[in-house]
Amino acid sequence: MPHHPPVLYQIHTSWYGSFVERFGRVFLLSACTFFVTCSQDRSFV
């Protein structure tokens, strides 16, 4: 496991954390919308 400088590591983790947070929110929203749509389609069928 390579050793990273503290400053670069903090910048990397902060950027990575914000990216994961945004992607996670979009993924959860899409998953919920897809699940609701499928459940409605099944109820209609």
PDB file of N, CA and C in Angstrom:
ATOM      1  N   MET A   1       0.857  -1.195   0.000  1.00  0.00           N
ATOM      2  CA  MET A   1       0.000   0.000   0.000  1.00  0.00           C
ATOM      3  C   MET A   1       0.891   1.242   0.000  1.00  0.00           C
ATOM      4  N   PRO A   2       0.877   2.017  -1.062  1.00  0.00           N
ATOM      5  CA  PRO A   2       1.768   3.181  -1.151  1.00  0.00           C
ATOM      6  C   PRO A   2       1.398   4.259  -0.145  1.00  0.00           C
ATOM      7  N   HIS A   3       2.393   5.030   0.236  1.00  0.00           N
ATOM      8  CA  HIS A   3       2.160   6.102   1.210  1.00  0.00           C
ATOM      9  C   HIS A   3       1.945   7.412   0.470  1.00  0.00           C
ATOM     10  N   HIS A   4       0.864   8.106   0.783  1.00  0.00           N
ATOM     11  CA  HIS A   4       0.544   9.360   0.102  1.00  0.00           C
ATOM     12  C   HIS A   4       0.798  10.536   1.037  1.00  0.00           C
ATOM     13  N   PRO A   5       1.189  11.673   0.516  1.00  0.00           N
ATOM     14  CA  PRO A   5       1.323  12.885   1.336  1.00  0.00           C
ATOM     15  C   PRO A   5      -0.027  13.256   1.944  1.00  0.00           C
ATOM     16  N   PRO A   6      -0.038  13.751   3.176  1.00  0.00           N
ATOM     17  CA  PRO A   6      -1.311  14.061   3.856  1.00  0.00           C
ATOM     18  C   PRO A   6      -2.178  15.037   3.061  1.00  0.00           C
ATOM     19  N   VAL A   7      -1.576  16.084   2.484  1.00  0.00           N
ATOM     20  CA  VAL A   7      -2.377  17.093   1.776  1.00  0.00           C
ATOM     21  C   VAL A   7      -3.036  16.485   0.544  1.00  0.00           C
ATOM     22  N   LEU A   8      -2.258  15.797  -0.280  1.00  0.00           N
ATOM     23  CA  LEU A   8      -2.827  15.189  -1.483  1.00  0.00           C
ATOM     24  C   LEU A   8      -3.863  14.140  -1.103  1.00  0.00           C
ATOM     25  N   TYR A   9      -3.606  13.428  -0.017  1.00  0.00           N
ATOM     26  CA  TYR A   9      -4.539  12.388   0.410  1.00  0.00           C
ATOM     27  C   TYR A   9      -5.860  13.014   0.845  1.00  0.00           C
ATOM     28  N   GLN A  10      -5.790  14.145   1.550  1.00  0.00           N
ATOM     29  CA  GLN A  10      -7.020  14.813   1.993  1.00  0.00           C
ATOM     30  C   GLN A  10      -7.808  15.323   0.793  1.00  0.00           C
ATOM     31  N   ILE A  11      -7.100  15.897  -0.190  1.00  0.00           N
ATOM     32  CA  ILE A  11      -7.784  16.397  -1.387  1.00  0.00           C
ATOM     33  C   ILE A  11      -8.435  15.237  -2.139  1.00  0.00           C
ATOM     34  N   HIS A  12      -7.709  14.129  -2.240  1.00  0.00           N
ATOM     35  CA  HIS A  12      -8.243  12.971  -2.954  1.00  0.00           C
ATOM     36  C   HIS A  12      -9.465  12.422  -2.234  1.00  0.00           C
ATOM     37  N   THR A  13      -9.386  12.288  -0.918  1.00  0.00           N
ATOM     38  CA  THR A  13     -10.506  11.724  -0.170  1.00  0.00           C
ATOM     39  C   THR A  13     -11.707  12.666  -0.214  1.00  0.00           C
ATOM     40  N   SER A  14     -11.467  13.982  -0.146  1.00  0.00           N
ATOM     41  CA  SER A  14     -12.590  14.923  -0.171  1.00  0.00           C
ATOM     42  C   SER A  14     -13.280  14.889  -1.534  1.00  0.00           C
ATOM     43  N   TRP A  15     -12.480  14.849  -2.620  1.00  0.00           N
ATOM     44  CA  TRP A  15     -13.074  14.787  -3.962  1.00  0.00           C
ATOM     45  C   TRP A  15     -13.771  13.449  -4.160  1.00  0.00           C
ATOM     46  N   TYR A  16     -13.128  12.377  -3.707  1.00  0.00           N
ATOM     47  CA  TYR A  16     -13.715  11.050  -3.864  1.00  0.00           C
ATOM     48  C   TYR A  16     -14.993  10.938  -3.044  1.00  0.00           C
ATOM     49  N   GLY A  17     -14.989  11.504  -1.836  1.00  0.00           N
ATOM     50  CA  GLY A  17     -16.178  11.435  -0.986  1.00  0.00           C
ATOM     51  C   GLY A  17     -17.341  12.197  -1.599  1.00  0.00           C
ATOM     52  N   SER A  18     -17.073  13.383  -2.123  1.00  0.00           N
ATOM     53  CA  SER A  18     -18.152  14.174  -2.726  1.00  0.00           C
ATOM     54  C   SER A  18     -18.693  13.478  -3.971  1.00  0.00           C
ATOM     55  N   PHE A  19     -17.800  12.849  -4.745  1.00  0.00           N
ATOM     56  CA  PHE A  19     -18.238  12.155  -5.952  1.00  0.00           C
ATOM     57  C   PHE A  19     -19.111  10.962  -5.584  1.00  0.00           C
ATOM     58  N   VAL A  20     -18.685  10.198  -4.578  1.00  0.00           N
ATOM     59  CA  VAL A  20     -19.456   9.027  -4.158  1.00  0.00           C
ATOM     60  C   VAL A  20     -20.798   9.465  -3.583  1.00  0.00           C
ATOM     61  N   GLU A  21     -20.797  10.582  -2.851  1.00  0.00           N
ATOM     62  CA  GLU A  21     -22.049  11.057  -2.255  1.00  0.00           C
ATOM     63  C   GLU A  21     -23.043  11.452  -3.346  1.00  0.00           C
ATOM     64  N   ARG A  22     -22.569  12.194  -4.338  1.00  0.00           N
ATOM     65  CA  ARG A  22     -23.468  12.609  -5.422  1.00  0.00           C
ATOM     66  C   ARG A  22     -23.944  11.407  -6.222  1.00  0.00           C
ATOM     67  N   PHE A  23     -23.016  10.510  -6.548  1.00  0.00           N
ATOM     68  CA  PHE A  23     -23.383   9.333  -7.328  1.00  0.00           C
ATOM     69  C   PHE A  23     -24.342   8.454  -6.534  1.00  0.00           C
ATOM     70  N   GLY A  24     -24.115   8.349  -5.230  1.00  0.00           N
ATOM     71  CA  GLY A  24     -24.982   7.527  -4.383  1.00  0.00           C
ATOM     72  C   GLY A  24     -26.404   8.073  -4.357  1.00  0.00           C
ATOM     73  N   ARG A  25     -26.520   9.379  -4.241  1.00  0.00           N
ATOM     74  CA  ARG A  25     -27.861   9.981  -4.203  1.00  0.00           C
ATOM     75  C   ARG A  25     -28.593   9.761  -5.522  1.00  0.00           C
ATOM     76  N   VAL A  26     -27.899   9.969  -6.627  1.00  0.00           N
ATOM     77  CA  VAL A  26     -28.530   9.773  -7.939  1.00  0.00           C
ATOM     78  C   VAL A  26     -28.905   8.308  -8.127  1.00  0.00           C
ATOM     79  N   PHE A  27     -28.021   7.403  -7.670  1.00  0.00           N
ATOM     80  CA  PHE A  27     -28.294   5.973  -7.823  1.00  0.00           C
ATOM     81  C   PHE A  27     -29.498   5.568  -6.982  1.00  0.00           C
ATOM     82  N   LEU A  28     -29.573   6.046  -5.746  1.00  0.00           N
ATOM     83  CA  LEU A  28     -30.705   5.698  -4.886  1.00  0.00           C
ATOM     84  C   LEU A  28     -31.998   6.267  -5.463  1.00  0.00           C
ATOM     85  N   LEU A  29     -31.949   7.493  -5.967  1.00  0.00           N
ATOM     86  CA  LEU A  29     -33.150   8.105  -6.539  1.00  0.00           C
ATOM     87  C   LEU A  29     -33.614   7.319  -7.757  1.00  0.00           C
ATOM     88  N   SER A  30     -32.669   6.913  -8.604  1.00  0.00           N
ATOM     89  CA  SER A  30     -33.029   6.139  -9.794  1.00  0.00           C
ATOM     90  C   SER A  30     -33.576   4.774  -9.396  1.00  0.00           C
ATOM     91  N   ALA A  31     -32.972   4.158  -8.391  1.00  0.00           N
ATOM     92  CA  ALA A  31     -33.421   2.839  -7.949  1.00  0.00           C
ATOM     93  C   ALA A  31     -34.835   2.927  -7.381  1.00  0.00           C
ATOM     94  N   CYS A  32     -35.099   3.957  -6.586  1.00  0.00           N
ATOM     95  CA  CYS A  32     -36.444   4.116  -6.013  1.00  0.00           C
ATOM     96  C   CYS A  32     -37.465   4.358  -7.121  1.00  0.00           C
ATOM     97  N   THR A  33     -37.138   5.209  -8.074  1.00  0.00           N
ATOM     98  CA  THR A  33     -38.058   5.486  -9.180  1.00  0.00           C
ATOM     99  C   THR A  33     -38.319   4.227  -9.993  1.00  0.00           C
ATOM    100  N   PHE A  34     -37.269   3.453 -10.250  1.00  0.00           N
ATOM    101  CA  PHE A  34     -37.417   2.224 -11.022  1.00  0.00           C
ATOM    102  C   PHE A  34     -38.273   1.214 -10.260  1.00  0.00           C
ATOM    103  N   PHE A  35     -38.054   1.110  -8.944  1.00  0.00           N
ATOM    104  CA  PHE A  35     -38.820   0.166  -8.133  1.00  0.00           C
ATOM    105  C   PHE A  35     -40.295   0.559  -8.097  1.00  0.00           C
ATOM    106  N   VAL A  36     -40.567   1.850  -7.928  1.00  0.00           N
ATOM    107  CA  VAL A  36     -41.962   2.312  -7.882  1.00  0.00           C
ATOM    108  C   VAL A  36     -42.637   2.080  -9.228  1.00  0.00           C
ATOM    109  N   THR A  37     -41.928   2.343 -10.310  1.00  0.00           N
ATOM    110  CA  THR A  37     -42.503   2.149 -11.644  1.00  0.00           C
ATOM    111  C   THR A  37     -42.817   0.675 -11.877  1.00  0.00           C
ATOM    112  N   CYS A  38     -41.909  -0.200 -11.497  1.00  0.00           N
ATOM    113  CA  CYS A  38     -42.136  -1.639 -11.686  1.00  0.00           C
ATOM    114  C   CYS A  38     -43.305  -2.103 -10.832  1.00  0.00           C
ATOM    115  N   SER A  39     -43.387  -1.617  -9.598  1.00  0.00           N
ATOM    116  CA  SER A  39     -44.475  -2.041  -8.720  1.00  0.00           C
ATOM    117  C   SER A  39     -45.812  -1.560  -9.280  1.00  0.00           C
ATOM    118  N   GLN A  40     -45.849  -0.354  -9.836  1.00  0.00           N
ATOM    119  CA  GLN A  40     -47.087   0.153 -10.418  1.00  0.00           C
ATOM    120  C   GLN A  40     -47.457  -0.646 -11.659  1.00  0.00           C
ATOM    121  N   ASP A  41     -46.459  -0.986 -12.480  1.00  0.00           N
ATOM    122  CA  ASP A  41     -46.737  -1.768 -13.685  1.00  0.00           C
ATOM    123  C   ASP A  41     -47.278  -3.139 -13.297  1.00  0.00           C
ATOM    124  N   ARG A  42     -46.709  -3.745 -12.265  1.00  0.00           N
ATOM    125  CA  ARG A  42     -47.177  -5.065 -11.840  1.00  0.00           C
ATOM    126  C   ARG A  42     -48.593  -4.976 -11.283  1.00  0.00           C
ATOM    127  N   SER A  43     -48.886  -3.895 -10.557  1.00  0.00           N
ATOM    128  CA  SER A  43     -50.224  -3.760  -9.984  1.00  0.00           C
ATOM    129  C   SER A  43     -51.248  -3.577 -11.107  1.00  0.00           C
ATOM    130  N   PHE A  44     -50.887  -2.831 -12.141  1.00  0.00           N
ATOM    131  CA  PHE A  44     -51.806  -2.639 -13.259  1.00  0.00           C
ATOM    132  C   PHE A  44     -51.999  -3.953 -14.016  1.00  0.00           C
ATOM    133  N   VAL A  45     -50.921  -4.725 -14.131  1.00  0.00           N
ATOM    134  CA  VAL A  45     -51.036  -6.007 -14.832  1.00  0.00           C
ATOM    135  C   VAL A  45     -51.745  -6.984 -13.908  1.00  0.00           C
TER     136      VAL A  45
END
